[in-house]
Amino acid sequence: MLCKALHKLFKESKQLLNLGRCQSNNFDAHIADITMTMIQYILISMRYRFNTYETKWGIFKHISEQTIQYRLSEKLWGLFIELLTVIEKLFDGTDGMELIEKIMSDDEAFEIICRIFPIKAQSQIAA
C-alpha cells in the first residue's frame, strides 16, 4: 500500500508539478525545488481530500449511529431471551431450547426475528 502511494506521489509530482526539471547546478537549489514540489503536492492532496471525503463529523455520526443500532439490537435480543424464559416458565412442559428451535425453523418467524435483530440473530444461529 505504501509503495503504491509513493509511486503515485512521484508519478503525479513529475507529471503535474514538474518534479526533477530543475536545471540548476547548485545542490541546494535541487533540494529547495524538491521541497517546494512536495509542499505543493501535500496542499493539493489535502484540498482534494477535504472536498471529496466526508467531514470528521459525518464519519463520527455514522459510527455513532451504527453503535447505537448495535447496542439496541443487543438489548432487544436480551429482552427476547427473557421473554422466552417467561414463556418457558408459564408452560411447564416446554423446554426453552425446543421453543427457540421451533421459532427458528418457522420461515416467517425466522424472517421477522432477523429483521428485528439483524446482528445478533445471524451470529446466534451460526453458533
C-alpha atoms as a PDB file:
ATOM      1  CA  MET A   1       0.000   0.000   0.000  1.00  0.00           C
ATOM      2  CA  LEU A   2       2.780   2.398   0.917  1.00  0.00           C
ATOM      3  CA  CYS A   3       4.678   1.582  -2.268  1.00  0.00           C
ATOM      4  CA  LYS A   4       1.600   2.375  -4.375  1.00  0.00           C
ATOM      5  CA  ALA A   5       1.133   5.674  -2.553  1.00  0.00           C
ATOM      6  CA  LEU A   6       4.780   6.640  -3.058  1.00  0.00           C
ATOM      7  CA  HIS A   7       4.631   5.608  -6.699  1.00  0.00           C
ATOM      8  CA  LYS A   8       1.517   7.771  -7.167  1.00  0.00           C
ATOM      9  CA  LEU A   9       3.193  10.679  -5.336  1.00  0.00           C
ATOM     10  CA  PHE A  10       6.281  10.664  -7.565  1.00  0.00           C
ATOM     11  CA  LYS A  11       4.350   9.988 -10.767  1.00  0.00           C
ATOM     12  CA  GLU A  12       1.933  12.871 -10.186  1.00  0.00           C
ATOM     13  CA  SER A  13       4.719  15.155  -8.945  1.00  0.00           C
ATOM     14  CA  LYS A  14       6.758  14.533 -12.069  1.00  0.00           C
ATOM     15  CA  GLN A  15       3.856  14.850 -14.499  1.00  0.00           C
ATOM     16  CA  LEU A  16       1.857  17.646 -12.931  1.00  0.00           C
ATOM     17  CA  LEU A  17       4.285  19.600 -10.771  1.00  0.00           C
ATOM     18  CA  ASN A  18       7.469  19.259 -12.870  1.00  0.00           C
ATOM     19  CA  LEU A  19       9.493  17.417 -10.217  1.00  0.00           C
ATOM     20  CA  GLY A  20      13.060  16.827 -11.376  1.00  0.00           C
ATOM     21  CA  ARG A  21      13.133  19.533 -14.008  1.00  0.00           C
ATOM     22  CA  CYS A  22      15.274  21.945 -12.063  1.00  0.00           C
ATOM     23  CA  GLN A  23      18.254  22.873 -14.279  1.00  0.00           C
ATOM     24  CA  SER A  24      20.389  24.482 -11.621  1.00  0.00           C
ATOM     25  CA  ASN A  25      23.956  23.304 -10.916  1.00  0.00           C
ATOM     26  CA  ASN A  26      23.521  24.081  -7.227  1.00  0.00           C
ATOM     27  CA  PHE A  27      22.622  21.138  -4.944  1.00  0.00           C
ATOM     28  CA  ASP A  28      20.729  23.413  -2.548  1.00  0.00           C
ATOM     29  CA  ALA A  29      18.551  24.606  -5.420  1.00  0.00           C
ATOM     30  CA  HIS A  30      17.601  20.991  -6.201  1.00  0.00           C
ATOM     31  CA  ILE A  31      16.709  20.359  -2.554  1.00  0.00           C
ATOM     32  CA  ALA A  32      14.612  23.544  -2.491  1.00  0.00           C
ATOM     33  CA  ASP A  33      12.868  22.549  -5.740  1.00  0.00           C
ATOM     34  CA  ILE A  34      12.003  19.084  -4.387  1.00  0.00           C
ATOM     35  CA  THR A  35      10.821  20.562  -1.077  1.00  0.00           C
ATOM     36  CA  MET A  36       8.573  23.094  -2.786  1.00  0.00           C
ATOM     37  CA  THR A  37       7.147  20.421  -5.085  1.00  0.00           C
ATOM     38  CA  MET A  38       6.369  18.160  -2.113  1.00  0.00           C
ATOM     39  CA  ILE A  39       4.678  21.047  -0.267  1.00  0.00           C
ATOM     40  CA  GLN A  40       2.583  21.771  -3.360  1.00  0.00           C
ATOM     41  CA  TYR A  41       1.618  18.114  -3.624  1.00  0.00           C
ATOM     42  CA  ILE A  42       0.621  17.954   0.059  1.00  0.00           C
ATOM     43  CA  LEU A  43      -1.515  21.095  -0.215  1.00  0.00           C
ATOM     44  CA  ILE A  44      -3.235  19.892  -3.380  1.00  0.00           C
ATOM     45  CA  SER A  45      -3.859  16.453  -1.813  1.00  0.00           C
ATOM     46  CA  MET A  46      -5.310  17.999   1.331  1.00  0.00           C
ATOM     47  CA  ARG A  47      -7.656  20.200  -0.664  1.00  0.00           C
ATOM     48  CA  TYR A  48      -8.765  17.243  -2.761  1.00  0.00           C
ATOM     49  CA  ARG A  49      -9.338  15.161   0.354  1.00  0.00           C
ATOM     50  CA  PHE A  50     -11.369  17.868   2.099  1.00  0.00           C
ATOM     51  CA  ASN A  51     -13.523  18.374  -0.992  1.00  0.00           C
ATOM     52  CA  THR A  52     -14.019  14.679  -1.727  1.00  0.00           C
ATOM     53  CA  TYR A  53     -14.386  12.863   1.577  1.00  0.00           C
ATOM     54  CA  GLU A  54     -16.853  13.190   4.407  1.00  0.00           C
ATOM     55  CA  THR A  55     -16.120  15.554   7.222  1.00  0.00           C
ATOM     56  CA  LYS A  56     -14.931  14.194  10.534  1.00  0.00           C
ATOM     57  CA  TRP A  57     -18.339  14.958  12.000  1.00  0.00           C
ATOM     58  CA  GLY A  58     -20.047  12.939   9.258  1.00  0.00           C
ATOM     59  CA  ILE A  59     -17.812   9.953   9.889  1.00  0.00           C
ATOM     60  CA  PHE A  60     -18.328  10.257  13.659  1.00  0.00           C
ATOM     61  CA  LYS A  61     -22.098  10.497  13.213  1.00  0.00           C
ATOM     62  CA  HIS A  62     -22.152   7.386  11.011  1.00  0.00           C
ATOM     63  CA  ILE A  63     -20.105   5.358  13.506  1.00  0.00           C
ATOM     64  CA  SER A  64     -22.239   6.631  16.384  1.00  0.00           C
ATOM     65  CA  GLU A  65     -25.440   5.547  14.624  1.00  0.00           C
ATOM     66  CA  GLN A  66     -24.006   2.073  13.999  1.00  0.00           C
ATOM     67  CA  THR A  67     -23.006   1.769  17.659  1.00  0.00           C
ATOM     68  CA  ILE A  68     -26.465   2.808  18.857  1.00  0.00           C
ATOM     69  CA  GLN A  69     -28.113   0.329  16.496  1.00  0.00           C
ATOM     70  CA  TYR A  70     -25.821  -2.470  17.683  1.00  0.00           C
ATOM     71  CA  ARG A  71     -26.496  -1.695  21.365  1.00  0.00           C
ATOM     72  CA  LEU A  72     -30.236  -1.547  20.729  1.00  0.00           C
ATOM     73  CA  SER A  73     -30.094  -4.926  18.978  1.00  0.00           C
ATOM     74  CA  GLU A  74     -28.165  -6.327  21.951  1.00  0.00           C
ATOM     75  CA  LYS A  75     -30.795  -5.076  24.422  1.00  0.00           C
ATOM     76  CA  LEU A  76     -33.698  -6.287  22.287  1.00  0.00           C
ATOM     77  CA  TRP A  77     -32.094  -9.712  21.952  1.00  0.00           C
ATOM     78  CA  GLY A  78     -31.725  -9.889  25.748  1.00  0.00           C
ATOM     79  CA  LEU A  79     -35.388  -8.956  26.183  1.00  0.00           C
ATOM     80  CA  PHE A  80     -36.344 -11.604  23.628  1.00  0.00           C
ATOM     81  CA  ILE A  81     -34.434 -14.271  25.573  1.00  0.00           C
ATOM     82  CA  GLU A  82     -36.079 -13.119  28.827  1.00  0.00           C
ATOM     83  CA  LEU A  83     -39.497 -13.329  27.155  1.00  0.00           C
ATOM     84  CA  LEU A  84     -38.742 -16.896  26.062  1.00  0.00           C
ATOM     85  CA  THR A  85     -37.700 -17.724  29.636  1.00  0.00           C
ATOM     86  CA  VAL A  86     -41.018 -16.398  30.971  1.00  0.00           C
ATOM     87  CA  ILE A  87     -42.944 -18.398  28.349  1.00  0.00           C
ATOM     88  CA  GLU A  88     -40.950 -21.487  29.321  1.00  0.00           C
ATOM     89  CA  LYS A  89     -41.928 -20.994  32.984  1.00  0.00           C
ATOM     90  CA  LEU A  90     -45.592 -20.479  32.095  1.00  0.00           C
ATOM     91  CA  PHE A  91     -45.723 -23.662  30.055  1.00  0.00           C
ATOM     92  CA  ASP A  92     -44.027 -26.186  32.317  1.00  0.00           C
ATOM     93  CA  GLY A  93     -43.726 -28.912  29.693  1.00  0.00           C
ATOM     94  CA  THR A  94     -41.905 -26.728  27.157  1.00  0.00           C
ATOM     95  CA  ASP A  95     -38.130 -26.586  27.017  1.00  0.00           C
ATOM     96  CA  GLY A  96     -36.628 -23.190  26.167  1.00  0.00           C
ATOM     97  CA  MET A  97     -34.279 -24.615  23.538  1.00  0.00           C
ATOM     98  CA  GLU A  98     -37.149 -26.510  21.877  1.00  0.00           C
ATOM     99  CA  LEU A  99     -39.143 -23.282  21.772  1.00  0.00           C
ATOM    100  CA  ILE A 100     -36.217 -21.419  20.137  1.00  0.00           C
ATOM    101  CA  GLU A 101     -35.748 -24.254  17.623  1.00  0.00           C
ATOM    102  CA  LYS A 102     -39.464 -24.143  16.728  1.00  0.00           C
ATOM    103  CA  ILE A 103     -39.331 -20.388  16.220  1.00  0.00           C
ATOM    104  CA  MET A 104     -36.157 -20.600  14.133  1.00  0.00           C
ATOM    105  CA  SER A 105     -37.480 -23.447  11.983  1.00  0.00           C
ATOM    106  CA  ASP A 106     -40.591 -21.448  11.052  1.00  0.00           C
ATOM    107  CA  ASP A 107     -39.578 -19.381   7.996  1.00  0.00           C
ATOM    108  CA  GLU A 108     -41.934 -16.484   8.695  1.00  0.00           C
ATOM    109  CA  ALA A 109     -40.923 -16.202  12.362  1.00  0.00           C
ATOM    110  CA  PHE A 110     -37.253 -16.527  11.429  1.00  0.00           C
ATOM    111  CA  GLU A 111     -37.544 -13.701   8.873  1.00  0.00           C
ATOM    112  CA  ILE A 112     -39.240 -11.425  11.408  1.00  0.00           C
ATOM    113  CA  ILE A 113     -36.564 -12.120  14.020  1.00  0.00           C
ATOM    114  CA  CYS A 114     -33.779 -11.438  11.511  1.00  0.00           C
ATOM    115  CA  ARG A 115     -35.359  -8.076  10.669  1.00  0.00           C
ATOM    116  CA  ILE A 116     -35.646  -7.159  14.336  1.00  0.00           C
ATOM    117  CA  PHE A 117     -32.188  -8.408  15.334  1.00  0.00           C
ATOM    118  CA  PRO A 118     -30.024  -8.097  12.205  1.00  0.00           C
ATOM    119  CA  ILE A 119     -26.732  -8.524  14.074  1.00  0.00           C
ATOM    120  CA  LYS A 120     -27.473 -10.922  16.903  1.00  0.00           C
ATOM    121  CA  ALA A 121     -29.863 -13.301  15.176  1.00  0.00           C
ATOM    122  CA  GLN A 122     -27.350 -14.097  12.457  1.00  0.00           C
ATOM    123  CA  SER A 123     -24.436 -14.691  14.856  1.00  0.00           C
ATOM    124  CA  GLN A 124     -26.538 -16.753  17.310  1.00  0.00           C
ATOM    125  CA  ILE A 125     -27.802 -19.031  14.561  1.00  0.00           C
ATOM    126  CA  ALA A 126     -24.294 -19.549  13.205  1.00  0.00           C
ATOM    127  CA  ALA A 127     -23.060 -20.538  16.669  1.00  0.00           C
END
